[in-house]
Structure formats: structure tokens, C-alpha cells
Amino acid sequence: MLRWFKRRLAKTDPLLGADGAPVTPPEPTQVEIPHDKIAARAAEIWDRKGRPHDQDVQNWMEAEAELRSEFATNSAPEPLPRKPR
């Protein structure tokens, strides 16, 4: 009875394998953002901040984070248009 329950649970629970043992979910894939896009965004940030000195690494990291978040929100599939009735 217990084996049947584990197999049944494994079929319905995506976090359990066929033997009932927990399965670790795959790591989210990192998106490769082109170097030139990050550089352009970092330059925009630098210009927006008034072109301060010695903040190039901070501007680069901020640009990369902005682009990753933009890509994450834009990569979601758009809903299909509804058919008129």
C-alpha cells in the first residue's frame, strides 16, 4: 500500500521522483546580455548621475541588474488575443 501511494504521489508531485525521493528543481538559466548593451546602459546611468568619477564598476553592475530585470519581465509569454464573439 505504501509503495502504491509513493508511486501515485510521484506522478502528481513534480518535486518527487518515481521512487518517491525528492528531486531538486533545475537552476534558473542565466541570460547572456551582450557586452555592448551593458556598456551603453552603464554610460546612460553614468550620464544620469552627473558623470561622477570612480563609480564605473557600480554603474556597470547597476546596468546589468536593470537589463536582467527588464529581460525577465519581457521574456514572459504574451497572452493570446481573445476571439471576438
PDB file of N, CA and C in Angstrom:
ATOM      1  N   MET A   1       0.822  -1.191   0.000  1.00  0.00           N
ATOM      2  CA  MET A   1       0.000   0.000   0.000  1.00  0.00           C
ATOM      3  C   MET A   1       0.866   1.255   0.000  1.00  0.00           C
ATOM      4  N   LEU A   2       1.919   1.261   0.787  1.00  0.00           N
ATOM      5  CA  LEU A   2       2.783   2.422   0.853  1.00  0.00           C
ATOM      6  C   LEU A   2       3.499   2.651  -0.474  1.00  0.00           C
ATOM      7  N   ARG A   3       3.935   1.577  -1.141  1.00  0.00           N
ATOM      8  CA  ARG A   3       4.591   1.725  -2.440  1.00  0.00           C
ATOM      9  C   ARG A   3       3.626   2.330  -3.456  1.00  0.00           C
ATOM     10  N   TRP A   4       2.376   1.874  -3.450  1.00  0.00           N
ATOM     11  CA  TRP A   4       1.392   2.420  -4.366  1.00  0.00           C
ATOM     12  C   TRP A   4       1.209   3.919  -4.125  1.00  0.00           C
ATOM     13  N   PHE A   5       1.130   4.315  -2.861  1.00  0.00           N
ATOM     14  CA  PHE A   5       0.946   5.716  -2.516  1.00  0.00           C
ATOM     15  C   PHE A   5       2.128   6.557  -2.981  1.00  0.00           C
ATOM     16  N   LYS A   6       3.351   6.061  -2.783  1.00  0.00           N
ATOM     17  CA  LYS A   6       4.540   6.801  -3.220  1.00  0.00           C
ATOM     18  C   LYS A   6       4.560   6.962  -4.731  1.00  0.00           C
ATOM     19  N   ARG A   7       4.200   5.887  -5.464  1.00  0.00           N
ATOM     20  CA  ARG A   7       4.181   5.993  -6.920  1.00  0.00           C
ATOM     21  C   ARG A   7       3.101   6.974  -7.363  1.00  0.00           C
ATOM     22  N   ARG A   8       1.965   6.932  -6.726  1.00  0.00           N
ATOM     23  CA  ARG A   8       0.863   7.827  -7.064  1.00  0.00           C
ATOM     24  C   ARG A   8       1.254   9.266  -6.774  1.00  0.00           C
ATOM     25  N   LEU A   9       1.880   9.491  -5.645  1.00  0.00           N
ATOM     26  CA  LEU A   9       2.315  10.825  -5.267  1.00  0.00           C
ATOM     27  C   LEU A   9       3.396  11.328  -6.214  1.00  0.00           C
ATOM     28  N   ALA A  10       4.301  10.448  -6.638  1.00  0.00           N
ATOM     29  CA  ALA A  10       5.369  10.833  -7.552  1.00  0.00           C
ATOM     30  C   ALA A  10       4.799  11.265  -8.893  1.00  0.00           C
ATOM     31  N   LYS A  11       3.695  10.683  -9.305  1.00  0.00           N
ATOM     32  CA  LYS A  11       3.087  11.064 -10.576  1.00  0.00           C
ATOM     33  C   LYS A  11       2.442  12.435 -10.499  1.00  0.00           C
ATOM     34  N   THR A  12       1.964  12.828  -9.328  1.00  0.00           N
ATOM     35  CA  THR A  12       1.261  14.100  -9.185  1.00  0.00           C
ATOM     36  C   THR A  12       2.134  15.211  -8.634  1.00  0.00           C
ATOM     37  N   ASP A  13       3.199  14.879  -7.942  1.00  0.00           N
ATOM     38  CA  ASP A  13       4.061  15.881  -7.326  1.00  0.00           C
ATOM     39  C   ASP A  13       5.333  16.035  -8.159  1.00  0.00           C
ATOM     40  N   PRO A  14       5.550  17.220  -8.771  1.00  0.00           N
ATOM     41  CA  PRO A  14       6.735  17.383  -9.615  1.00  0.00           C
ATOM     42  C   PRO A  14       8.046  17.410  -8.830  1.00  0.00           C
ATOM     43  N   LEU A  15       7.985  17.542  -7.515  1.00  0.00           N
ATOM     44  CA  LEU A  15       9.206  17.588  -6.711  1.00  0.00           C
ATOM     45  C   LEU A  15       9.621  16.222  -6.194  1.00  0.00           C
ATOM     46  N   LEU A  16       8.865  15.168  -6.546  1.00  0.00           N
ATOM     47  CA  LEU A  16       9.210  13.809  -6.148  1.00  0.00           C
ATOM     48  C   LEU A  16       9.492  12.975  -7.382  1.00  0.00           C
ATOM     49  N   GLY A  17      10.525  12.151  -7.304  1.00  0.00           N
ATOM     50  CA  GLY A  17      10.869  11.267  -8.407  1.00  0.00           C
ATOM     51  C   GLY A  17       9.988  10.033  -8.408  1.00  0.00           C
ATOM     52  N   ALA A  18      10.269   9.122  -9.343  1.00  0.00           N
ATOM     53  CA  ALA A  18       9.470   7.906  -9.474  1.00  0.00           C
ATOM     54  C   ALA A  18       9.585   7.018  -8.244  1.00  0.00           C
ATOM     55  N   ASP A  19      10.735   7.090  -7.549  1.00  0.00           N
ATOM     56  CA  ASP A  19      10.915   6.268  -6.354  1.00  0.00           C
ATOM     57  C   ASP A  19      10.422   6.960  -5.087  1.00  0.00           C
ATOM     58  N   GLY A  20       9.872   8.149  -5.211  1.00  0.00           N
ATOM     59  CA  GLY A  20       9.358   8.877  -4.062  1.00  0.00           C
ATOM     60  C   GLY A  20      10.384   9.768  -3.390  1.00  0.00           C
ATOM     61  N   ALA A  21      11.627   9.733  -3.891  1.00  0.00           N
ATOM     62  CA  ALA A  21      12.682  10.567  -3.323  1.00  0.00           C
ATOM     63  C   ALA A  21      12.542  11.993  -3.853  1.00  0.00           C
ATOM     64  N   PRO A  22      12.882  12.991  -3.041  1.00  0.00           N
ATOM     65  CA  PRO A  22      12.775  14.378  -3.501  1.00  0.00           C
ATOM     66  C   PRO A  22      13.722  14.651  -4.662  1.00  0.00           C
ATOM     67  N   VAL A  23      13.263  15.451  -5.604  1.00  0.00           N
ATOM     68  CA  VAL A  23      14.057  15.851  -6.761  1.00  0.00           C
ATOM     69  C   VAL A  23      14.302  17.344  -6.637  1.00  0.00           C
ATOM     70  N   THR A  24      15.545  17.756  -6.799  1.00  0.00           N
ATOM     71  CA  THR A  24      15.848  19.183  -6.737  1.00  0.00           C
ATOM     72  C   THR A  24      15.445  19.829  -8.049  1.00  0.00           C
ATOM     73  N   PRO A  25      14.773  20.969  -7.996  1.00  0.00           N
ATOM     74  CA  PRO A  25      14.371  21.639  -9.222  1.00  0.00           C
ATOM     75  C   PRO A  25      15.591  22.178  -9.953  1.00  0.00           C
ATOM     76  N   PRO A  26      15.543  22.303 -11.267  1.00  0.00           N
ATOM     77  CA  PRO A  26      16.685  22.820 -12.014  1.00  0.00           C
ATOM     78  C   PRO A  26      16.925  24.288 -11.693  1.00  0.00           C
ATOM     79  N   GLU A  27      18.167  24.683 -11.778  1.00  0.00           N
ATOM     80  CA  GLU A  27      18.529  26.074 -11.534  1.00  0.00           C
ATOM     81  C   GLU A  27      18.013  26.937 -12.680  1.00  0.00           C
ATOM     82  N   PRO A  28      17.562  28.153 -12.385  1.00  0.00           N
ATOM     83  CA  PRO A  28      17.136  29.029 -13.468  1.00  0.00           C
ATOM     84  C   PRO A  28      18.340  29.396 -14.334  1.00  0.00           C
ATOM     85  N   THR A  29      18.121  29.464 -15.626  1.00  0.00           N
ATOM     86  CA  THR A  29      19.217  29.762 -16.534  1.00  0.00           C
ATOM     87  C   THR A  29      19.532  31.243 -16.506  1.00  0.00           C
ATOM     88  N   GLN A  30      20.810  31.536 -16.533  1.00  0.00           N
ATOM     89  CA  GLN A  30      21.251  32.918 -16.585  1.00  0.00           C
ATOM     90  C   GLN A  30      21.197  33.399 -18.033  1.00  0.00           C
ATOM     91  N   VAL A  31      20.681  34.573 -18.234  1.00  0.00           N
ATOM     92  CA  VAL A  31      20.556  35.138 -19.561  1.00  0.00           C
ATOM     93  C   VAL A  31      21.838  35.881 -19.893  1.00  0.00           C
ATOM     94  N   GLU A  32      22.356  35.620 -21.075  1.00  0.00           N
ATOM     95  CA  GLU A  32      23.545  36.327 -21.528  1.00  0.00           C
ATOM     96  C   GLU A  32      23.127  37.648 -22.158  1.00  0.00           C
ATOM     97  N   ILE A  33      23.548  38.738 -21.548  1.00  0.00           N
ATOM     98  CA  ILE A  33      23.248  40.062 -22.075  1.00  0.00           C
ATOM     99  C   ILE A  33      24.489  40.537 -22.822  1.00  0.00           C
ATOM    100  N   PRO A  34      24.339  41.021 -24.051  1.00  0.00           N
ATOM    101  CA  PRO A  34      25.507  41.466 -24.819  1.00  0.00           C
ATOM    102  C   PRO A  34      26.277  42.576 -24.112  1.00  0.00           C
ATOM    103  N   HIS A  35      27.590  42.501 -24.236  1.00  0.00           N
ATOM    104  CA  HIS A  35      28.502  43.451 -23.593  1.00  0.00           C
ATOM    105  C   HIS A  35      28.184  44.888 -23.999  1.00  0.00           C
ATOM    106  N   ASP A  36      27.891  45.103 -25.279  1.00  0.00           N
ATOM    107  CA  ASP A  36      27.639  46.467 -25.748  1.00  0.00           C
ATOM    108  C   ASP A  36      26.361  47.054 -25.160  1.00  0.00           C
ATOM    109  N   LYS A  37      25.360  46.213 -24.893  1.00  0.00           N
ATOM    110  CA  LYS A  37      24.131  46.721 -24.273  1.00  0.00           C
ATOM    111  C   LYS A  37      24.388  47.153 -22.827  1.00  0.00           C
ATOM    112  N   ILE A  38      25.178  46.363 -22.116  1.00  0.00           N
ATOM    113  CA  ILE A  38      25.510  46.728 -20.733  1.00  0.00           C
ATOM    114  C   ILE A  38      26.333  48.009 -20.719  1.00  0.00           C
ATOM    115  N   ALA A  39      27.289  48.108 -21.637  1.00  0.00           N
ATOM    116  CA  ALA A  39      28.137  49.307 -21.699  1.00  0.00           C
ATOM    117  C   ALA A  39      27.303  50.547 -21.999  1.00  0.00           C
ATOM    118  N   ALA A  40      26.358  50.425 -22.929  1.00  0.00           N
ATOM    119  CA  ALA A  40      25.512  51.569 -23.272  1.00  0.00           C
ATOM    120  C   ALA A  40      24.644  51.974 -22.085  1.00  0.00           C
ATOM    121  N   ARG A  41      24.071  50.982 -21.361  1.00  0.00           N
ATOM    122  CA  ARG A  41      23.241  51.301 -20.206  1.00  0.00           C
ATOM    123  C   ARG A  41      24.073  51.904 -19.090  1.00  0.00           C
ATOM    124  N   ALA A  42      25.305  51.396 -18.890  1.00  0.00           N
ATOM    125  CA  ALA A  42      26.184  51.952 -17.857  1.00  0.00           C
ATOM    126  C   ALA A  42      26.535  53.401 -18.188  1.00  0.00           C
ATOM    127  N   ALA A  43      26.725  53.696 -19.461  1.00  0.00           N
ATOM    128  CA  ALA A  43      27.006  55.078 -19.864  1.00  0.00           C
ATOM    129  C   ALA A  43      25.804  55.967 -19.603  1.00  0.00           C
ATOM    130  N   GLU A  44      24.596  55.454 -19.852  1.00  0.00           N
ATOM    131  CA  GLU A  44      23.387  56.221 -19.551  1.00  0.00           C
ATOM    132  C   GLU A  44      23.276  56.513 -18.060  1.00  0.00           C
ATOM    133  N   ILE A  45      23.559  55.509 -17.243  1.00  0.00           N
ATOM    134  CA  ILE A  45      23.491  55.676 -15.789  1.00  0.00           C
ATOM    135  C   ILE A  45      24.537  56.693 -15.334  1.00  0.00           C
ATOM    136  N   TRP A  46      25.736  56.573 -15.877  1.00  0.00           N
ATOM    137  CA  TRP A  46      26.816  57.496 -15.529  1.00  0.00           C
ATOM    138  C   TRP A  46      26.430  58.926 -15.888  1.00  0.00           C
ATOM    139  N   ASP A  47      25.832  59.106 -17.064  1.00  0.00           N
ATOM    140  CA  ASP A  47      25.406  60.432 -17.506  1.00  0.00           C
ATOM    141  C   ASP A  47      24.264  60.947 -16.635  1.00  0.00           C
ATOM    142  N   ARG A  48      23.330  60.062 -16.290  1.00  0.00           N
ATOM    143  CA  ARG A  48      22.184  60.432 -15.456  1.00  0.00           C
ATOM    144  C   ARG A  48      22.625  60.895 -14.071  1.00  0.00           C
ATOM    145  N   LYS A  49      23.693  60.284 -13.548  1.00  0.00           N
ATOM    146  CA  LYS A  49      24.180  60.632 -12.206  1.00  0.00           C
ATOM    147  C   LYS A  49      25.058  61.871 -12.197  1.00  0.00           C
ATOM    148  N   GLY A  50      25.311  62.459 -13.372  1.00  0.00           N
ATOM    149  CA  GLY A  50      26.138  63.661 -13.426  1.00  0.00           C
ATOM    150  C   GLY A  50      27.605  63.371 -13.683  1.00  0.00           C
ATOM    151  N   ARG A  51      27.926  62.227 -14.227  1.00  0.00           N
ATOM    152  CA  ARG A  51      29.270  61.789 -14.601  1.00  0.00           C
ATOM    153  C   ARG A  51      30.281  61.824 -13.454  1.00  0.00           C
ATOM    154  N   PRO A  52      29.955  61.193 -12.324  1.00  0.00           N
ATOM    155  CA  PRO A  52      30.912  61.168 -11.205  1.00  0.00           C
ATOM    156  C   PRO A  52      32.075  60.221 -11.502  1.00  0.00           C
ATOM    157  N   HIS A  53      33.209  60.493 -10.872  1.00  0.00           N
ATOM    158  CA  HIS A  53      34.391  59.654 -11.042  1.00  0.00           C
ATOM    159  C   HIS A  53      34.342  58.451 -10.114  1.00  0.00           C
ATOM    160  N   ASP A  54      35.072  57.406 -10.475  1.00  0.00           N
ATOM    161  CA  ASP A  54      35.290  56.210  -9.657  1.00  0.00           C
ATOM    162  C   ASP A  54      34.007  55.457  -9.302  1.00  0.00           C
ATOM    163  N   GLN A  55      33.024  55.464 -10.178  1.00  0.00           N
ATOM    164  CA  GLN A  55      31.815  54.675  -9.956  1.00  0.00           C
ATOM    165  C   GLN A  55      31.518  53.783 -11.150  1.00  0.00           C
ATOM    166  N   ASP A  56      32.544  53.498 -11.953  1.00  0.00           N
ATOM    167  CA  ASP A  56      32.317  52.725 -13.164  1.00  0.00           C
ATOM    168  C   ASP A  56      31.856  51.301 -12.872  1.00  0.00           C
ATOM    169  N   VAL A  57      32.416  50.663 -11.849  1.00  0.00           N
ATOM    170  CA  VAL A  57      32.005  49.300 -11.519  1.00  0.00           C
ATOM    171  C   VAL A  57      30.574  49.291 -10.987  1.00  0.00           C
ATOM    172  N   GLN A  58      30.253  50.250 -10.145  1.00  0.00           N
ATOM    173  CA  GLN A  58      28.897  50.340  -9.603  1.00  0.00           C
ATOM    174  C   GLN A  58      27.890  50.596 -10.729  1.00  0.00           C
ATOM    175  N   ASN A  59      28.233  51.481 -11.667  1.00  0.00           N
ATOM    176  CA  ASN A  59      27.345  51.756 -12.796  1.00  0.00           C
ATOM    177  C   ASN A  59      27.170  50.514 -13.671  1.00  0.00           C
ATOM    178  N   TRP A  60      28.246  49.760 -13.878  1.00  0.00           N
ATOM    179  CA  TRP A  60      28.179  48.542 -14.684  1.00  0.00           C
ATOM    180  C   TRP A  60      27.249  47.513 -14.026  1.00  0.00           C
ATOM    181  N   MET A  61      27.424  47.323 -12.719  1.00  0.00           N
ATOM    182  CA  MET A  61      26.593  46.344 -12.011  1.00  0.00           C
ATOM    183  C   MET A  61      25.124  46.773 -12.024  1.00  0.00           C
ATOM    184  N   GLU A  62      24.887  48.061 -11.861  1.00  0.00           N
ATOM    185  CA  GLU A  62      23.516  48.578 -11.882  1.00  0.00           C
ATOM    186  C   GLU A  62      22.900  48.392 -13.271  1.00  0.00           C
ATOM    187  N   ALA A  63      23.678  48.641 -14.310  1.00  0.00           N
ATOM    188  CA  ALA A  63      23.189  48.464 -15.680  1.00  0.00           C
ATOM    189  C   ALA A  63      22.865  47.006 -15.956  1.00  0.00           C
ATOM    190  N   GLU A  64      23.720  46.106 -15.507  1.00  0.00           N
ATOM    191  CA  GLU A  64      23.488  44.681 -15.710  1.00  0.00           C
ATOM    192  C   GLU A  64      22.224  44.224 -14.978  1.00  0.00           C
ATOM    193  N   ALA A  65      22.042  44.716 -13.757  1.00  0.00           N
ATOM    194  CA  ALA A  65      20.852  44.350 -12.985  1.00  0.00           C
ATOM    195  C   ALA A  65      19.579  44.881 -13.646  1.00  0.00           C
ATOM    196  N   GLU A  66      19.627  46.106 -14.144  1.00  0.00           N
ATOM    197  CA  GLU A  66      18.463  46.681 -14.821  1.00  0.00           C
ATOM    198  C   GLU A  66      18.097  45.873 -16.061  1.00  0.00           C
ATOM    199  N   LEU A  67      19.107  45.522 -16.855  1.00  0.00           N
ATOM    200  CA  LEU A  67      18.843  44.776 -18.082  1.00  0.00           C
ATOM    201  C   LEU A  67      18.320  43.372 -17.780  1.00  0.00           C
ATOM    202  N   ARG A  68      18.856  42.728 -16.748  1.00  0.00           N
ATOM    203  CA  ARG A  68      18.359  41.395 -16.380  1.00  0.00           C
ATOM    204  C   ARG A  68      16.893  41.456 -15.947  1.00  0.00           C
ATOM    205  N   SER A  69      16.543  42.477 -15.156  1.00  0.00           N
ATOM    206  CA  SER A  69      15.152  42.581 -14.708  1.00  0.00           C
ATOM    207  C   SER A  69      14.234  42.921 -15.877  1.00  0.00           C
ATOM    208  N   GLU A  70      14.701  43.751 -16.798  1.00  0.00           N
ATOM    209  CA  GLU A  70      13.889  44.070 -17.972  1.00  0.00           C
ATOM    210  C   GLU A  70      13.684  42.831 -18.831  1.00  0.00           C
ATOM    211  N   PHE A  71      14.739  42.048 -18.995  1.00  0.00           N
ATOM    212  CA  PHE A  71      14.617  40.841 -19.803  1.00  0.00           C
ATOM    213  C   PHE A  71      13.678  39.842 -19.143  1.00  0.00           C
ATOM    214  N   ALA A  72      13.742  39.745 -17.827  1.00  0.00           N
ATOM    215  CA  ALA A  72      12.884  38.801 -17.109  1.00  0.00           C
ATOM    216  C   ALA A  72      11.416  39.180 -17.265  1.00  0.00           C
ATOM    217  N   THR A  73      11.100  40.454 -17.245  1.00  0.00           N
ATOM    218  CA  THR A  73       9.708  40.870 -17.389  1.00  0.00           C
ATOM    219  C   THR A  73       9.256  40.780 -18.841  1.00  0.00           C
ATOM    220  N   ASN A  74      10.177  40.979 -19.787  1.00  0.00           N
ATOM    221  CA  ASN A  74       9.812  40.923 -21.199  1.00  0.00           C
ATOM    222  C   ASN A  74       9.795  39.507 -21.747  1.00  0.00           C
ATOM    223  N   SER A  75      10.424  38.563 -21.058  1.00  0.00           N
ATOM    224  CA  SER A  75      10.503  37.207 -21.587  1.00  0.00           C
ATOM    225  C   SER A  75       9.256  36.389 -21.285  1.00  0.00           C
ATOM    226  N   ALA A  76       8.373  36.919 -20.461  1.00  0.00           N
ATOM    227  CA  ALA A  76       7.131  36.198 -20.170  1.00  0.00           C
ATOM    228  C   ALA A  76       6.272  36.168 -21.428  1.00  0.00           C
ATOM    229  N   PRO A  77       5.692  35.034 -21.754  1.00  0.00           N
ATOM    230  CA  PRO A  77       4.887  34.955 -22.966  1.00  0.00           C
ATOM    231  C   PRO A  77       3.655  35.850 -22.883  1.00  0.00           C
ATOM    232  N   GLU A  78       3.357  36.481 -23.997  1.00  0.00           N
ATOM    233  CA  GLU A  78       2.192  37.360 -24.034  1.00  0.00           C
ATOM    234  C   GLU A  78       0.934  36.513 -24.167  1.00  0.00           C
ATOM    235  N   PRO A  79      -0.148  36.941 -23.537  1.00  0.00           N
ATOM    236  CA  PRO A  79      -1.374  36.165 -23.661  1.00  0.00           C
ATOM    237  C   PRO A  79      -1.902  36.239 -25.096  1.00  0.00           C
ATOM    238  N   LEU A  80      -2.557  35.179 -25.507  1.00  0.00           N
ATOM    239  CA  LEU A  80      -3.127  35.148 -26.844  1.00  0.00           C
ATOM    240  C   LEU A  80      -4.308  36.093 -26.925  1.00  0.00           C
ATOM    241  N   PRO A  81      -4.492  36.732 -28.083  1.00  0.00           N
ATOM    242  CA  PRO A  81      -5.650  37.622 -28.207  1.00  0.00           C
ATOM    243  C   PRO A  81      -6.948  36.829 -28.157  1.00  0.00           C
ATOM    244  N   ARG A  82      -7.949  37.429 -27.589  1.00  0.00           N
ATOM    245  CA  ARG A  82      -9.249  36.758 -27.472  1.00  0.00           C
ATOM    246  C   ARG A  82      -9.996  36.880 -28.786  1.00  0.00           C
ATOM    247  N   LYS A  83     -10.717  35.849 -29.118  1.00  0.00           N
ATOM    248  CA  LYS A  83     -11.526  35.849 -30.334  1.00  0.00           C
ATOM    249  C   LYS A  83     -12.809  36.635 -30.071  1.00  0.00           C
ATOM    250  N   PRO A  84     -13.205  37.439 -31.028  1.00  0.00           N
ATOM    251  CA  PRO A  84     -14.476  38.154 -30.847  1.00  0.00           C
ATOM    252  C   PRO A  84     -15.641  37.179 -30.906  1.00  0.00           C
ATOM    253  N   ARG A  85     -16.649  37.474 -30.157  1.00  0.00           N
ATOM    254  CA  ARG A  85     -17.829  36.592 -30.109  1.00  0.00           C
ATOM    255  C   ARG A  85     -18.861  36.987 -31.109  1.00  0.00           C
TER     256      ARG A  85
END
